[in-house]
């Protein structure tokens, strides 16, 4: 799986309603996560453009390309670390990626002075050896230690980066998958659709009857409460999962239901002073009934998602 596909899979996880809602509670972390994911994609574009730039001639262009590609690799590694950090996933850069960081720091980060094992070192790119594809790097030390020469081949660095950075991002994805499956396993046996039993149509029929038949009026308030209990039960179960106020569709229908439910309740609680008449109650109750049918469909979809293994 390539880096771009791995980036997409991580985005899919963090944009799921429950996880996104949790992450958005810490705005700085969310911004850091989004910036880092963008950086993964942006650096992949830069790396993809690198081969065509290698045809460019001249020492100045070669320096610019070498500095740029080494910095790109560092940025990409930092982005992967930041993604894992925000998601609370521990990762450690393997020695192969750490070696790339050392090359970048020596050649294009802090070549003038660095410390290594108590020694001060300075690094030099040999201009004679320089091309967009490779260069010789000389390292001189502060004591009598002999200088060192190393041959840096950038396409090999790119290949190494792609392999080991991909493994890091795959580890992040596997951990996100494990967390999601654990959450689903914990809640899958609690069916949200059961919050809306078949008897709910009976509750509405009693409200319709109570609004038109004075002898059945006392049943109205009782069955309004039965319907409200169903709605409250659905909300409570979503809250237990950390999913209340994370589904826009659920929020939308609850907002639509709130006013007519309060008006129907007021009708039965304050009759005959209520501002509604029997036809108003019928219209409002019919509207609520349709909205609850939609909520039941949404509940079933969520139940199916929790039963899924992927």
Protein backbone atom coordinates (compact mmCIF):
# COMPACT_ATOMS: atom_id res chain seq x y z
CA UNK A 1 0.00 0.00 0.00
CA UNK A 2 1.50 3.36 -0.97
CA UNK A 3 1.89 6.35 1.33
CA UNK A 4 -0.99 8.26 -0.25
CA UNK A 5 -3.39 5.35 0.31
CA UNK A 6 -2.25 5.02 3.92
CA UNK A 7 -2.87 8.73 4.43
CA UNK A 8 -6.39 8.32 3.02
CA UNK A 9 -7.17 5.43 5.36
CA UNK A 10 -6.10 7.45 8.39
CA UNK A 11 -8.32 10.31 7.23
CA UNK A 12 -11.25 7.91 6.95
CA UNK A 13 -10.75 6.86 10.57
CA UNK A 14 -10.43 10.35 12.03
CA UNK A 15 -13.40 11.66 10.04
CA UNK A 16 -15.79 9.05 11.42
CA UNK A 17 -18.40 10.91 13.52
CA UNK A 18 -17.46 9.58 16.96
CA UNK A 19 -13.69 9.89 16.59
CA UNK A 20 -13.87 13.27 14.92
CA UNK A 21 -16.12 14.61 17.68
CA UNK A 22 -13.61 13.46 20.32
CA UNK A 23 -10.62 14.91 18.46
CA UNK A 24 -12.36 18.25 17.92
CA UNK A 25 -12.63 18.70 21.69
CA UNK A 26 -8.90 19.48 21.59
CA UNK A 27 -8.66 22.00 18.78
CA UNK A 28 -4.86 22.32 18.87
CA UNK A 29 -4.46 18.56 18.49
CA UNK A 30 -7.02 18.42 15.67
CA UNK A 31 -5.22 21.21 13.81
CA UNK A 32 -1.89 19.45 14.30
CA UNK A 33 -3.36 16.20 12.99
CA UNK A 34 -4.90 17.79 9.88
CA UNK A 35 -1.74 19.76 9.15
CA UNK A 36 0.39 16.63 9.46
CA UNK A 37 -1.87 14.60 7.17
CA UNK A 38 -1.74 17.41 4.62
CA UNK A 39 2.04 17.37 4.95
CA UNK A 40 2.17 13.64 4.19
CA UNK A 41 0.30 14.27 0.96
CA UNK A 42 2.26 17.42 0.09
CA UNK A 43 5.63 15.74 0.58
CA UNK A 44 4.51 12.79 -1.54
CA UNK A 45 3.82 15.26 -4.34
CA UNK A 46 7.30 16.74 -3.89
CA UNK A 47 8.91 13.29 -3.92
CA UNK A 48 6.95 12.35 -7.06
CA UNK A 49 8.29 15.50 -8.78
CA UNK A 50 11.91 14.78 -7.82
CA UNK A 51 12.85 12.46 -10.77
CA UNK A 52 11.91 15.07 -13.36
CA UNK A 53 13.99 17.69 -11.55
CA UNK A 54 17.09 15.48 -11.70
CA UNK A 55 17.56 16.48 -15.33
CA UNK A 56 18.26 20.04 -14.24
CA UNK A 57 21.87 21.12 -14.77
CA UNK A 58 24.14 23.42 -12.74
CA UNK A 59 25.63 23.36 -9.25
CA UNK A 60 23.14 25.89 -7.90
CA UNK A 61 20.17 23.86 -9.05
CA UNK A 62 21.76 20.66 -7.70
CA UNK A 63 22.19 22.21 -4.25
CA UNK A 64 18.62 23.44 -4.26
CA UNK A 65 17.28 20.02 -5.26
CA UNK A 66 19.42 18.15 -2.71
CA UNK A 67 18.58 20.53 0.14
CA UNK A 68 14.92 20.41 -0.83
CA UNK A 69 14.56 16.64 -1.07
CA UNK A 70 16.41 16.02 2.20
CA UNK A 71 14.21 18.55 3.99
CA UNK A 72 11.14 16.91 2.42
CA UNK A 73 12.08 13.54 3.92
CA UNK A 74 12.50 15.10 7.36
CA UNK A 75 9.15 16.89 7.13
CA UNK A 76 7.44 13.66 6.16
CA UNK A 77 8.91 11.77 9.10
CA UNK A 78 7.93 14.55 11.51
CA UNK A 79 4.39 14.50 10.12
CA UNK A 80 4.10 10.75 10.77
CA UNK A 81 5.31 11.23 14.35
CA UNK A 82 2.82 14.04 14.94
CA UNK A 83 -0.07 11.97 13.58
CA UNK A 84 0.72 9.12 15.96
CA UNK A 85 1.21 11.52 18.87
CA UNK A 86 -2.19 13.21 18.47
CA UNK A 87 -3.88 9.81 18.19
CA UNK A 88 -2.12 8.55 21.32
CA UNK A 89 -0.24 5.83 19.44
CA UNK A 90 3.37 5.18 20.38
CA UNK A 91 5.80 4.75 17.51
CA UNK A 92 9.57 4.82 17.26
CA UNK A 93 11.51 5.72 14.16
CA UNK A 94 13.55 2.72 13.03
CA UNK A 95 17.30 3.14 12.63
CA UNK A 96 16.89 3.34 8.83
CA UNK A 97 14.78 6.50 9.13
CA UNK A 98 17.01 7.92 11.85
CA UNK A 99 19.94 7.52 9.47
CA UNK A 100 18.11 9.64 6.89
CA UNK A 101 17.59 12.32 9.54
CA UNK A 102 21.31 12.28 10.36
CA UNK A 103 22.20 12.72 6.69
CA UNK A 104 19.75 15.60 6.37
CA UNK A 105 21.09 17.31 9.50
CA UNK A 106 24.70 16.90 8.38
CA UNK A 107 24.20 17.94 4.76
CA UNK A 108 21.26 20.36 4.83
CA UNK A 109 20.31 21.05 8.44
CA UNK A 110 23.24 22.06 10.62
CA UNK A 111 26.38 21.29 8.63
CA UNK A 112 28.54 23.96 10.27
CA UNK A 113 28.52 22.45 13.74
CA UNK A 114 27.00 19.43 15.42
CA UNK A 115 27.87 17.33 18.44
CA UNK A 116 28.27 13.59 18.26
CA UNK A 117 29.47 11.42 21.16
CA UNK A 118 31.05 14.44 22.83
CA UNK A 119 32.85 15.58 19.68
CA UNK A 120 32.11 18.64 17.60
CA UNK A 121 31.80 17.88 13.92
CA UNK A 122 31.36 19.90 10.75
CA UNK A 123 30.15 18.56 7.42
CA UNK A 124 30.86 19.47 3.80
CA UNK A 125 29.18 18.48 0.57
CA UNK A 126 31.85 17.97 -2.07
CA UNK A 127 30.78 20.23 -4.92
CA UNK A 128 32.86 18.22 -7.36
CA UNK A 129 30.78 15.12 -6.55
CA UNK A 130 27.44 16.87 -6.36
CA UNK A 131 24.48 16.04 -8.61
CA UNK A 132 20.73 15.95 -8.01
CA UNK A 133 21.11 12.18 -7.57
CA UNK A 134 24.04 11.86 -5.18
CA UNK A 135 26.98 13.52 -3.44
CA UNK A 136 30.02 12.86 -1.26
CA UNK A 137 29.70 14.08 2.32
CA UNK A 138 32.85 14.81 4.32
CA UNK A 139 32.70 14.94 8.12
CA UNK A 140 35.54 16.59 10.05
CA UNK A 141 35.89 16.23 13.85
CA UNK A 142 37.23 18.53 16.56
CA UNK A 143 39.97 16.21 17.82
CA UNK A 144 42.56 14.11 16.04
CA UNK A 145 39.98 11.72 14.70
CA UNK A 146 40.33 11.28 10.94
CA UNK A 147 37.72 12.84 8.73
CA UNK A 148 35.12 10.56 7.17
CA UNK A 149 33.70 10.38 3.67
CA UNK A 150 30.30 8.94 2.88
CA UNK A 151 28.52 8.52 -0.44
CA UNK A 152 24.88 9.56 -0.33
CA UNK A 153 22.55 8.24 -3.05
CA UNK A 154 19.23 10.04 -2.85
CA UNK A 155 17.07 7.50 -4.76
CA UNK A 156 18.12 4.90 -2.18
CA UNK A 157 17.06 7.25 0.61
CA UNK A 158 13.68 7.68 -1.06
CA UNK A 159 13.22 3.94 -1.34
CA UNK A 160 14.14 3.45 2.32
CA UNK A 161 11.82 6.24 3.41
CA UNK A 162 8.91 4.84 1.45
CA UNK A 163 9.35 1.36 2.95
CA UNK A 164 9.81 2.26 6.60
CA UNK A 165 7.50 5.27 6.73
CA UNK A 166 4.84 3.06 5.17
CA UNK A 167 5.37 0.53 7.95
CA UNK A 168 4.91 3.26 10.57
CA UNK A 169 1.67 4.49 9.03
CA UNK A 170 0.41 0.91 8.73
CA UNK A 171 1.07 0.49 12.45
CA UNK A 172 -1.04 3.59 13.14
CA UNK A 173 -3.86 2.21 10.98
CA UNK A 174 -3.76 -1.21 12.65
CA UNK A 175 -4.01 0.42 16.06
CA UNK A 176 -6.96 2.56 14.92
CA UNK A 177 -8.64 -0.57 13.53
CA UNK A 178 -8.08 -2.42 16.80
CA UNK A 179 -9.55 0.47 18.81
CA UNK A 180 -12.59 0.62 16.53
CA UNK A 181 -13.22 -3.13 16.72
CA UNK A 182 -12.89 -3.04 20.51
CA UNK A 183 -15.47 -0.24 20.70
CA UNK A 184 -17.88 -2.08 18.38
CA UNK A 185 -17.46 -5.34 20.27
CA UNK A 186 -18.31 -3.60 23.52
CA UNK A 187 -21.58 -2.11 22.23
CA UNK A 188 -22.71 -4.34 19.35
CA UNK A 189 -25.19 -6.34 21.46
CA UNK A 190 -27.11 -3.21 22.44
CA UNK A 191 -29.38 -2.59 19.44
CA UNK A 192 -30.32 1.03 18.93
CA UNK A 193 -33.25 0.05 16.73
CA UNK A 194 -34.86 -1.60 19.75
CA UNK A 195 -35.33 1.86 21.24
CA UNK A 196 -38.22 2.20 18.79
CA UNK A 197 -40.43 -0.87 19.34
CA UNK A 198 -43.28 -1.90 17.07
CA UNK A 199 -45.68 -0.71 19.76
CA UNK A 200 -44.69 2.88 19.02
CA UNK A 201 -47.35 2.99 16.29
CA UNK A 202 -49.86 2.00 18.96
CA UNK A 203 -48.70 4.91 21.13
CA UNK A 204 -49.41 7.33 18.29
CA UNK A 205 -52.81 5.79 17.62
CA UNK A 206 -53.74 6.45 21.24
CA UNK A 207 -52.62 10.08 20.95
CA UNK A 208 -54.78 10.49 17.83
CA UNK A 209 -57.72 8.89 19.64
CA UNK A 210 -57.22 11.02 22.75
CA UNK A 211 -57.22 14.25 20.75
CA UNK A 212 -60.59 13.49 19.12
CA UNK A 213 -62.35 11.40 21.77
CA UNK A 214 -62.91 13.05 25.13
CA UNK A 215 -63.47 9.70 26.84
CA UNK A 216 -59.94 8.66 25.82
CA UNK A 217 -58.34 12.02 26.60
CA UNK A 218 -56.59 10.78 29.73
CA UNK A 219 -54.57 8.33 27.60
CA UNK A 220 -52.96 11.15 25.65
CA UNK A 221 -50.39 12.31 28.20
CA UNK A 222 -49.49 8.70 29.08
CA UNK A 223 -48.61 7.82 25.50
CA UNK A 224 -46.81 11.09 24.84
CA UNK A 225 -44.55 10.07 27.71
CA UNK A 226 -44.11 6.58 26.19
CA UNK A 227 -42.87 8.15 22.95
CA UNK A 228 -40.59 10.56 24.79
CA UNK A 229 -39.17 7.61 26.75
CA UNK A 230 -38.23 5.96 23.45
CA UNK A 231 -36.45 9.10 22.30
CA UNK A 232 -34.69 9.48 25.66
CA UNK A 233 -33.60 5.83 25.56
CA UNK A 234 -32.05 6.31 22.11
CA UNK A 235 -30.21 9.39 23.32
CA UNK A 236 -28.96 7.60 26.45
CA UNK A 237 -27.59 4.68 24.45
CA UNK A 238 -25.78 7.03 22.08
CA UNK A 239 -24.35 8.94 25.05
CA UNK A 240 -23.05 5.68 26.52
CA UNK A 241 -21.17 5.04 23.25
CA UNK A 242 -19.83 8.59 23.11
CA UNK A 243 -21.94 9.23 20.02
CA UNK A 244 -24.58 11.68 21.12
CA UNK A 245 -24.33 14.94 19.17
CA UNK A 246 -21.93 13.41 16.65
CA UNK A 247 -24.41 12.35 13.94
CA UNK A 248 -25.73 15.36 12.05
CA UNK A 249 -28.72 13.35 10.83
CA UNK A 250 -29.74 12.41 14.38
CA UNK A 251 -29.31 15.98 15.62
CA UNK A 252 -31.40 17.25 12.73
CA UNK A 253 -34.38 14.98 13.43
CA UNK A 254 -34.23 15.54 17.19
CA UNK A 255 -34.37 19.27 16.61
CA UNK A 256 -37.40 18.84 14.35
CA UNK A 257 -39.15 16.64 16.91
CA UNK A 258 -38.51 18.81 19.98
CA UNK A 259 -41.05 21.56 19.26
CA UNK A 260 -44.07 19.46 18.23
CA UNK A 261 -43.47 17.06 21.13
CA UNK A 262 -43.44 19.92 23.62
CA UNK A 263 -46.62 21.35 22.10
CA UNK A 264 -48.44 17.99 22.16
CA UNK A 265 -47.42 17.50 25.78
CA UNK A 266 -48.65 20.99 26.65
CA UNK A 267 -51.98 20.24 24.96
CA UNK A 268 -52.71 17.26 27.20
CA UNK A 269 -51.26 18.90 30.31
CA UNK A 270 -53.15 22.19 30.08
CA UNK A 271 -56.39 21.37 28.23
CA UNK A 272 -58.76 23.21 27.72
CA UNK A 273 -56.47 26.27 28.02
CA UNK A 274 -54.04 24.78 25.48
CA UNK A 275 -53.46 26.86 22.36
CA UNK A 276 -53.64 23.80 20.09
CA UNK A 277 -56.83 22.17 18.87
CA UNK A 278 -57.39 18.50 18.07
CA UNK A 279 -56.41 18.97 14.41
CA UNK A 280 -53.13 20.63 15.42
CA UNK A 281 -52.31 17.67 17.66
CA UNK A 282 -53.06 15.24 14.83
CA UNK A 283 -50.77 17.13 12.44
CA UNK A 284 -47.96 17.46 14.98
CA UNK A 285 -48.19 13.82 16.05
CA UNK A 286 -48.20 12.66 12.42
CA UNK A 287 -45.07 14.70 11.78
CA UNK A 288 -43.29 13.28 14.84
CA UNK A 289 -44.27 9.77 13.76
CA UNK A 290 -42.56 10.23 10.39
CA UNK A 291 -39.43 11.67 11.98
CA UNK A 292 -39.17 8.72 14.35
CA UNK A 293 -39.46 6.31 11.42
CA UNK A 294 -36.41 8.01 9.93
CA UNK A 295 -34.56 7.76 13.24
CA UNK A 296 -35.33 4.05 13.31
CA UNK A 297 -33.73 3.65 9.88
CA UNK A 298 -30.64 5.51 11.10
CA UNK A 299 -30.53 3.34 14.23
CA UNK A 300 -30.61 0.17 12.11
CA UNK A 301 -27.76 1.49 9.94
CA UNK A 302 -25.64 2.15 13.03
CA UNK A 303 -26.46 -1.33 14.37
CA UNK A 304 -25.30 -2.87 11.08
CA UNK A 305 -22.08 -0.88 11.22
CA UNK A 306 -21.39 -2.17 14.74
CA UNK A 307 -21.94 -5.75 13.59
CA UNK A 308 -19.50 -5.29 10.72
CA UNK A 309 -15.98 -6.71 11.00
CA UNK A 310 -14.40 -3.99 8.86
